[in-house]
N, C-alpha and C. Protein backbone atom coordinates (compact mmCIF):
# COMPACT_ATOMS: atom_id res chain seq x y z
N MET A 1 0.84 -1.18 0.00
CA MET A 1 0.00 0.00 -0.01
C MET A 1 0.88 1.26 0.01
N THR A 2 0.60 2.19 -0.88
CA THR A 2 1.41 3.40 -0.95
C THR A 2 1.05 4.38 0.19
N ILE A 3 1.90 5.34 0.40
CA ILE A 3 1.63 6.38 1.45
C ILE A 3 0.37 7.15 1.05
N ILE A 4 0.25 7.50 -0.23
CA ILE A 4 -0.95 8.25 -0.65
C ILE A 4 -2.24 7.44 -0.37
N GLU A 5 -2.17 6.15 -0.58
CA GLU A 5 -3.35 5.30 -0.26
C GLU A 5 -3.62 5.30 1.22
N ARG A 6 -2.56 5.30 2.03
CA ARG A 6 -2.74 5.35 3.51
C ARG A 6 -3.36 6.68 3.92
N VAL A 7 -2.90 7.77 3.31
CA VAL A 7 -3.45 9.10 3.61
C VAL A 7 -4.95 9.11 3.24
N ALA A 8 -5.24 8.59 2.07
CA ALA A 8 -6.66 8.52 1.62
C ALA A 8 -7.52 7.72 2.59
N ASP A 9 -7.00 6.62 3.11
CA ASP A 9 -7.75 5.82 4.08
C ASP A 9 -8.02 6.60 5.34
N GLU A 10 -7.04 7.39 5.81
CA GLU A 10 -7.22 8.18 7.01
C GLU A 10 -8.23 9.30 6.79
N ILE A 11 -8.17 9.95 5.63
CA ILE A 11 -9.17 10.99 5.32
C ILE A 11 -10.58 10.37 5.25
N ALA A 12 -10.70 9.22 4.64
CA ALA A 12 -11.98 8.53 4.54
C ALA A 12 -12.50 8.12 5.95
N ARG A 13 -11.60 7.86 6.86
CA ARG A 13 -12.01 7.54 8.23
C ARG A 13 -12.60 8.77 8.89
N ILE A 14 -11.98 9.93 8.67
CA ILE A 14 -12.43 11.18 9.30
C ILE A 14 -13.68 11.73 8.60
N PHE A 15 -13.68 11.65 7.25
CA PHE A 15 -14.81 12.13 6.45
C PHE A 15 -15.32 10.98 5.60
N PRO A 16 -16.22 10.13 6.15
CA PRO A 16 -16.64 8.92 5.47
C PRO A 16 -17.27 9.13 4.08
N ASN A 17 -17.91 10.26 3.83
CA ASN A 17 -18.57 10.47 2.55
C ASN A 17 -17.79 11.38 1.61
N ALA A 18 -16.52 11.62 1.89
CA ALA A 18 -15.72 12.55 1.13
C ALA A 18 -15.32 11.99 -0.24
N VAL A 19 -15.19 12.87 -1.19
CA VAL A 19 -14.62 12.53 -2.51
C VAL A 19 -13.12 12.80 -2.38
N ILE A 20 -12.31 11.77 -2.67
CA ILE A 20 -10.86 11.84 -2.50
C ILE A 20 -10.21 11.52 -3.84
N TYR A 21 -9.37 12.43 -4.33
CA TYR A 21 -8.65 12.22 -5.57
C TYR A 21 -7.19 11.96 -5.29
N THR A 22 -6.56 11.12 -6.04
CA THR A 22 -5.13 10.87 -5.94
C THR A 22 -4.42 11.17 -7.26
N GLU A 23 -5.20 11.54 -8.26
CA GLU A 23 -4.64 11.89 -9.57
C GLU A 23 -5.30 13.22 -10.02
N ASN A 24 -4.57 14.00 -10.81
CA ASN A 24 -5.15 15.20 -11.38
C ASN A 24 -6.35 14.85 -12.23
N GLN A 25 -7.33 15.74 -12.31
CA GLN A 25 -8.54 15.53 -13.08
C GLN A 25 -8.56 16.50 -14.25
N ALA A 26 -8.72 16.02 -15.47
CA ALA A 26 -8.74 16.87 -16.65
C ALA A 26 -9.91 17.86 -16.59
N ASP A 27 -11.05 17.45 -16.02
CA ASP A 27 -12.23 18.34 -15.98
C ASP A 27 -12.21 19.20 -14.70
N GLY A 28 -11.18 19.08 -13.87
CA GLY A 28 -11.16 19.79 -12.57
C GLY A 28 -11.75 18.93 -11.47
N PHE A 29 -11.74 19.46 -10.30
CA PHE A 29 -12.17 18.72 -9.10
C PHE A 29 -13.58 19.13 -8.69
N ASN A 30 -14.40 18.17 -8.30
CA ASN A 30 -15.70 18.48 -7.74
C ASN A 30 -15.51 19.12 -6.36
N GLU A 31 -16.44 19.89 -5.95
CA GLU A 31 -16.35 20.56 -4.63
C GLU A 31 -17.55 20.16 -3.80
N PRO A 32 -17.40 19.81 -2.56
CA PRO A 32 -16.14 19.68 -1.83
C PRO A 32 -15.43 18.38 -2.13
N SER A 33 -14.10 18.40 -2.04
CA SER A 33 -13.30 17.20 -2.27
C SER A 33 -11.90 17.41 -1.76
N PHE A 34 -11.12 16.31 -1.71
CA PHE A 34 -9.73 16.34 -1.29
C PHE A 34 -8.88 15.83 -2.46
N PHE A 35 -7.68 16.39 -2.56
CA PHE A 35 -6.69 15.90 -3.53
C PHE A 35 -5.37 15.67 -2.77
N ILE A 36 -4.80 14.50 -2.93
CA ILE A 36 -3.58 14.15 -2.22
C ILE A 36 -2.45 14.01 -3.23
N GLU A 37 -1.30 14.62 -2.96
CA GLU A 37 -0.15 14.47 -3.85
C GLU A 37 1.13 14.53 -3.07
N LYS A 38 2.13 13.84 -3.63
CA LYS A 38 3.48 13.87 -3.09
C LYS A 38 4.19 15.09 -3.70
N ILE A 39 4.91 15.81 -2.82
CA ILE A 39 5.57 17.03 -3.33
C ILE A 39 7.10 16.98 -3.24
N GLY A 40 7.64 15.94 -2.62
CA GLY A 40 9.13 15.84 -2.61
C GLY A 40 9.63 14.75 -1.70
N THR A 41 10.89 14.37 -1.93
CA THR A 41 11.56 13.36 -1.14
C THR A 41 13.01 13.76 -0.96
N SER A 42 13.49 13.61 0.26
CA SER A 42 14.93 13.76 0.49
C SER A 42 15.41 12.50 1.20
N ALA A 43 16.67 12.12 0.95
CA ALA A 43 17.21 10.91 1.54
C ALA A 43 18.65 11.19 2.00
N SER A 44 19.01 10.69 3.15
CA SER A 44 20.39 10.79 3.59
C SER A 44 20.86 9.39 3.93
N SER A 45 22.12 9.09 3.57
CA SER A 45 22.70 7.79 3.80
C SER A 45 23.11 7.65 5.27
N GLU A 46 22.97 6.42 5.75
CA GLU A 46 23.35 6.07 7.10
C GLU A 46 24.22 4.81 7.05
N LEU A 47 24.67 4.35 8.21
CA LEU A 47 25.52 3.17 8.27
C LEU A 47 24.75 1.93 7.77
N PHE A 48 25.49 0.96 7.31
CA PHE A 48 24.96 -0.36 6.89
C PHE A 48 23.98 -0.25 5.73
N ASP A 49 24.22 0.63 4.80
CA ASP A 49 23.38 0.81 3.61
C ASP A 49 21.97 1.29 3.90
N ARG A 50 21.74 1.85 5.05
CA ARG A 50 20.42 2.36 5.42
C ARG A 50 20.26 3.77 4.89
N GLN A 51 19.01 4.18 4.70
CA GLN A 51 18.68 5.54 4.31
C GLN A 51 17.60 6.09 5.22
N MET A 52 17.74 7.37 5.57
CA MET A 52 16.65 8.08 6.24
C MET A 52 15.96 8.88 5.15
N ARG A 53 14.69 8.56 4.90
CA ARG A 53 13.93 9.28 3.86
C ARG A 53 12.87 10.17 4.52
N LYS A 54 12.78 11.39 3.99
CA LYS A 54 11.74 12.32 4.40
C LYS A 54 10.90 12.59 3.15
N GLN A 55 9.68 12.15 3.19
CA GLN A 55 8.80 12.34 2.05
C GLN A 55 7.73 13.39 2.38
N SER A 56 7.58 14.40 1.53
CA SER A 56 6.62 15.49 1.76
C SER A 56 5.37 15.28 0.95
N TYR A 57 4.24 15.53 1.55
CA TYR A 57 2.93 15.37 0.90
C TYR A 57 2.08 16.61 1.20
N GLN A 58 1.05 16.76 0.37
CA GLN A 58 0.06 17.77 0.71
C GLN A 58 -1.33 17.23 0.37
N VAL A 59 -2.27 17.66 1.21
CA VAL A 59 -3.68 17.37 1.00
C VAL A 59 -4.32 18.70 0.70
N ILE A 60 -4.93 18.84 -0.46
CA ILE A 60 -5.61 20.08 -0.83
C ILE A 60 -7.10 19.82 -0.70
N TYR A 61 -7.76 20.72 0.03
CA TYR A 61 -9.19 20.62 0.21
C TYR A 61 -9.88 21.70 -0.59
N PHE A 62 -10.81 21.29 -1.44
CA PHE A 62 -11.63 22.21 -2.23
C PHE A 62 -13.00 22.32 -1.50
N PRO A 63 -13.26 23.45 -0.83
CA PRO A 63 -14.45 23.55 0.02
C PRO A 63 -15.76 23.68 -0.73
N ASP A 64 -16.81 23.57 0.02
CA ASP A 64 -18.15 23.82 -0.48
C ASP A 64 -18.22 25.28 -0.93
N PRO A 65 -18.53 25.53 -2.21
CA PRO A 65 -18.51 26.89 -2.74
C PRO A 65 -19.57 27.82 -2.13
N THR A 66 -20.59 27.28 -1.48
CA THR A 66 -21.62 28.15 -0.90
C THR A 66 -21.13 28.83 0.38
N SER A 67 -20.20 28.22 1.10
CA SER A 67 -19.65 28.84 2.32
C SER A 67 -18.20 28.32 2.51
N PRO A 68 -17.29 28.77 1.64
CA PRO A 68 -15.92 28.22 1.65
C PRO A 68 -15.15 28.50 2.91
N LYS A 69 -15.23 29.69 3.45
CA LYS A 69 -14.42 30.04 4.67
C LYS A 69 -14.84 29.22 5.86
N THR A 70 -16.14 29.09 6.08
CA THR A 70 -16.67 28.29 7.20
C THR A 70 -16.31 26.86 7.02
N ASP A 71 -16.45 26.35 5.81
CA ASP A 71 -16.15 24.94 5.51
C ASP A 71 -14.65 24.65 5.73
N MET A 72 -13.77 25.55 5.23
CA MET A 72 -12.34 25.33 5.39
C MET A 72 -11.95 25.34 6.88
N GLU A 73 -12.55 26.22 7.66
CA GLU A 73 -12.22 26.29 9.09
C GLU A 73 -12.64 24.97 9.76
N ARG A 74 -13.81 24.46 9.43
CA ARG A 74 -14.25 23.20 10.02
C ARG A 74 -13.32 22.05 9.62
N VAL A 75 -12.99 21.95 8.31
CA VAL A 75 -12.13 20.85 7.86
C VAL A 75 -10.73 20.99 8.45
N GLU A 76 -10.22 22.21 8.56
CA GLU A 76 -8.90 22.44 9.15
C GLU A 76 -8.85 21.84 10.56
N ASP A 77 -9.88 22.11 11.35
CA ASP A 77 -9.90 21.60 12.71
C ASP A 77 -9.93 20.08 12.73
N TYR A 78 -10.75 19.46 11.88
CA TYR A 78 -10.80 18.00 11.82
C TYR A 78 -9.47 17.38 11.34
N LEU A 79 -8.85 17.97 10.37
CA LEU A 79 -7.56 17.43 9.90
C LEU A 79 -6.46 17.55 10.94
N LEU A 80 -6.38 18.73 11.56
CA LEU A 80 -5.32 18.93 12.58
C LEU A 80 -5.53 18.08 13.82
N SER A 81 -6.78 17.70 14.09
CA SER A 81 -7.09 16.85 15.25
C SER A 81 -7.07 15.37 14.88
N GLY A 82 -7.38 15.02 13.64
CA GLY A 82 -7.57 13.60 13.30
C GLY A 82 -6.56 13.00 12.39
N LEU A 83 -5.87 13.80 11.58
CA LEU A 83 -4.89 13.27 10.62
C LEU A 83 -3.50 13.52 11.18
N LEU A 84 -3.11 12.71 12.17
CA LEU A 84 -1.82 12.92 12.86
C LEU A 84 -0.84 11.79 12.56
N GLU A 85 -1.32 10.66 12.07
CA GLU A 85 -0.46 9.52 11.80
C GLU A 85 -1.11 8.64 10.75
N LEU A 86 -0.26 7.82 10.12
CA LEU A 86 -0.76 6.82 9.18
C LEU A 86 -0.76 5.52 9.97
N LYS A 87 -1.92 4.96 10.21
CA LYS A 87 -2.10 3.82 11.09
C LYS A 87 -1.13 2.68 10.71
N ASP A 88 -0.47 2.17 11.73
CA ASP A 88 0.50 1.05 11.60
C ASP A 88 1.65 1.36 10.65
N TYR A 89 1.97 2.66 10.50
CA TYR A 89 3.03 3.02 9.57
C TYR A 89 3.97 4.08 10.14
N ALA A 90 3.46 5.30 10.30
CA ALA A 90 4.36 6.39 10.80
C ALA A 90 3.53 7.61 11.22
N PRO A 91 4.07 8.39 12.13
CA PRO A 91 3.43 9.67 12.48
C PRO A 91 3.70 10.70 11.39
N LEU A 92 2.83 11.69 11.32
CA LEU A 92 3.06 12.82 10.40
C LEU A 92 3.91 13.86 11.14
N ARG A 93 4.87 14.44 10.42
CA ARG A 93 5.79 15.42 11.03
C ARG A 93 5.71 16.73 10.27
N HIS A 94 6.11 17.79 10.92
CA HIS A 94 6.16 19.14 10.32
C HIS A 94 4.85 19.47 9.62
N LYS A 95 3.77 19.36 10.35
CA LYS A 95 2.43 19.66 9.79
C LYS A 95 2.23 21.15 9.67
N GLU A 96 1.68 21.56 8.55
CA GLU A 96 1.42 22.99 8.33
C GLU A 96 0.13 23.13 7.49
N MET A 97 -0.73 24.02 7.97
CA MET A 97 -2.02 24.24 7.31
C MET A 97 -2.07 25.68 6.81
N THR A 98 -2.53 25.86 5.54
CA THR A 98 -2.62 27.21 4.95
C THR A 98 -3.94 27.34 4.19
N GLN A 99 -4.64 28.42 4.47
CA GLN A 99 -5.82 28.78 3.64
C GLN A 99 -5.35 29.69 2.54
N GLN A 100 -5.51 29.26 1.29
CA GLN A 100 -5.04 30.01 0.12
C GLN A 100 -6.07 31.05 -0.31
N GLU A 101 -5.61 32.03 -1.03
CA GLU A 101 -6.48 33.07 -1.54
C GLU A 101 -7.50 32.54 -2.53
N ASP A 102 -7.20 31.41 -3.19
CA ASP A 102 -8.10 30.86 -4.19
C ASP A 102 -9.17 29.94 -3.52
N ASN A 103 -9.36 30.10 -2.22
CA ASN A 103 -10.32 29.29 -1.47
C ASN A 103 -10.03 27.80 -1.50
N THR A 104 -8.78 27.46 -1.27
CA THR A 104 -8.40 26.08 -1.04
C THR A 104 -7.64 26.02 0.26
N LEU A 105 -7.73 24.88 0.89
CA LEU A 105 -7.05 24.64 2.18
C LEU A 105 -5.95 23.64 1.89
N VAL A 106 -4.68 23.94 2.26
CA VAL A 106 -3.57 23.07 1.98
C VAL A 106 -2.96 22.61 3.30
N TYR A 107 -2.90 21.29 3.45
CA TYR A 107 -2.30 20.66 4.64
C TYR A 107 -1.05 19.94 4.15
N GLN A 108 0.13 20.45 4.58
CA GLN A 108 1.40 19.85 4.20
C GLN A 108 2.00 19.14 5.38
N PHE A 109 2.69 18.01 5.13
CA PHE A 109 3.33 17.25 6.20
C PHE A 109 4.41 16.38 5.62
N GLU A 110 5.23 15.82 6.49
CA GLU A 110 6.27 14.88 6.11
C GLU A 110 6.06 13.54 6.76
N VAL A 111 6.50 12.50 6.07
CA VAL A 111 6.50 11.13 6.61
C VAL A 111 7.96 10.70 6.58
N TRP A 112 8.52 10.34 7.72
CA TRP A 112 9.90 9.97 7.81
C TRP A 112 9.99 8.42 7.98
N GLY A 113 11.02 7.86 7.40
CA GLY A 113 11.20 6.43 7.56
C GLY A 113 12.64 6.01 7.28
N ARG A 114 13.06 4.92 7.92
CA ARG A 114 14.38 4.36 7.70
C ARG A 114 14.24 3.16 6.79
N PHE A 115 14.98 3.14 5.73
CA PHE A 115 14.88 2.04 4.75
C PHE A 115 16.24 1.41 4.55
N TYR A 116 16.21 0.12 4.30
CA TYR A 116 17.46 -0.58 4.03
C TYR A 116 17.17 -1.76 3.07
N PRO A 117 18.12 -2.05 2.20
CA PRO A 117 17.89 -3.11 1.23
C PRO A 117 17.97 -4.50 1.86
N GLU A 118 17.19 -5.41 1.36
CA GLU A 118 17.32 -6.80 1.81
C GLU A 118 18.48 -7.39 1.07
N LYS A 119 19.33 -8.10 1.82
CA LYS A 119 20.50 -8.69 1.20
C LYS A 119 20.36 -10.22 1.18
N ASP A 120 20.83 -10.79 0.11
CA ASP A 120 20.83 -12.26 -0.01
C ASP A 120 22.17 -12.83 0.37
N GLU A 121 22.59 -12.51 1.56
CA GLU A 121 23.90 -12.98 2.00
C GLU A 121 23.72 -14.17 2.93
N ILE A 122 24.75 -14.93 3.03
CA ILE A 122 24.70 -16.12 3.89
C ILE A 122 24.89 -15.64 5.35
N LYS A 123 23.94 -16.08 6.18
CA LYS A 123 24.00 -15.73 7.58
C LYS A 123 24.91 -16.71 8.30
N LEU A 124 25.43 -16.27 9.46
CA LEU A 124 26.24 -17.17 10.26
C LEU A 124 25.38 -18.34 10.75
N GLN A 125 25.94 -19.50 10.66
CA GLN A 125 25.21 -20.68 11.09
C GLN A 125 26.04 -21.36 12.17
N ASN A 126 25.44 -22.28 12.84
CA ASN A 126 26.17 -23.03 13.89
C ASN A 126 27.33 -23.76 13.26
N GLU A 127 28.48 -23.63 13.86
CA GLU A 127 29.68 -24.31 13.41
C GLU A 127 30.20 -25.13 14.56
N GLU A 128 30.68 -26.30 14.26
CA GLU A 128 31.29 -27.13 15.26
C GLU A 128 32.74 -26.74 15.37
N VAL A 129 33.17 -26.45 16.59
CA VAL A 129 34.55 -26.00 16.80
C VAL A 129 35.31 -27.14 17.50
N LYS A 130 36.48 -27.49 16.94
CA LYS A 130 37.31 -28.50 17.57
C LYS A 130 38.45 -27.78 18.25
N GLY A 131 38.66 -28.04 19.46
CA GLY A 131 39.71 -27.33 20.20
C GLY A 131 39.07 -26.71 21.44
N SER A 132 39.81 -25.79 22.01
CA SER A 132 39.30 -25.12 23.23
C SER A 132 39.61 -23.65 23.21
N PHE A 133 38.92 -22.93 24.03
CA PHE A 133 39.14 -21.49 24.19
C PHE A 133 39.88 -21.23 25.49
N LYS A 134 40.79 -20.26 25.51
CA LYS A 134 41.46 -19.93 26.74
C LYS A 134 41.13 -18.53 27.15
């Protein structure tokens, strides 16, 4: 399951009847709705071929056009109180909420994780030792 799918699951938990997009729409987005996208990744190398990755995402909320300011304020409160972690995966870090002039609400956050490759190397196995230790 991708991180975007995990975010969509959490939004669906908070807003059960919400329309959630994970891809751009040629005809535009219905309102109200959510759009989730990845906006960047940084990685730093660590010991033993491990990497610390910081992946940035944003959730854009397109409010109800009949009362956008009230709707954005309500959704902002629900997101800041309810979208704090991806269940069984990772907490959200560096959360930031912005109400844009174009009447959209943008929730940006990072997901951090340590990754390392699986290696097909031979593990130490029991060996019979002849002799003694001093």
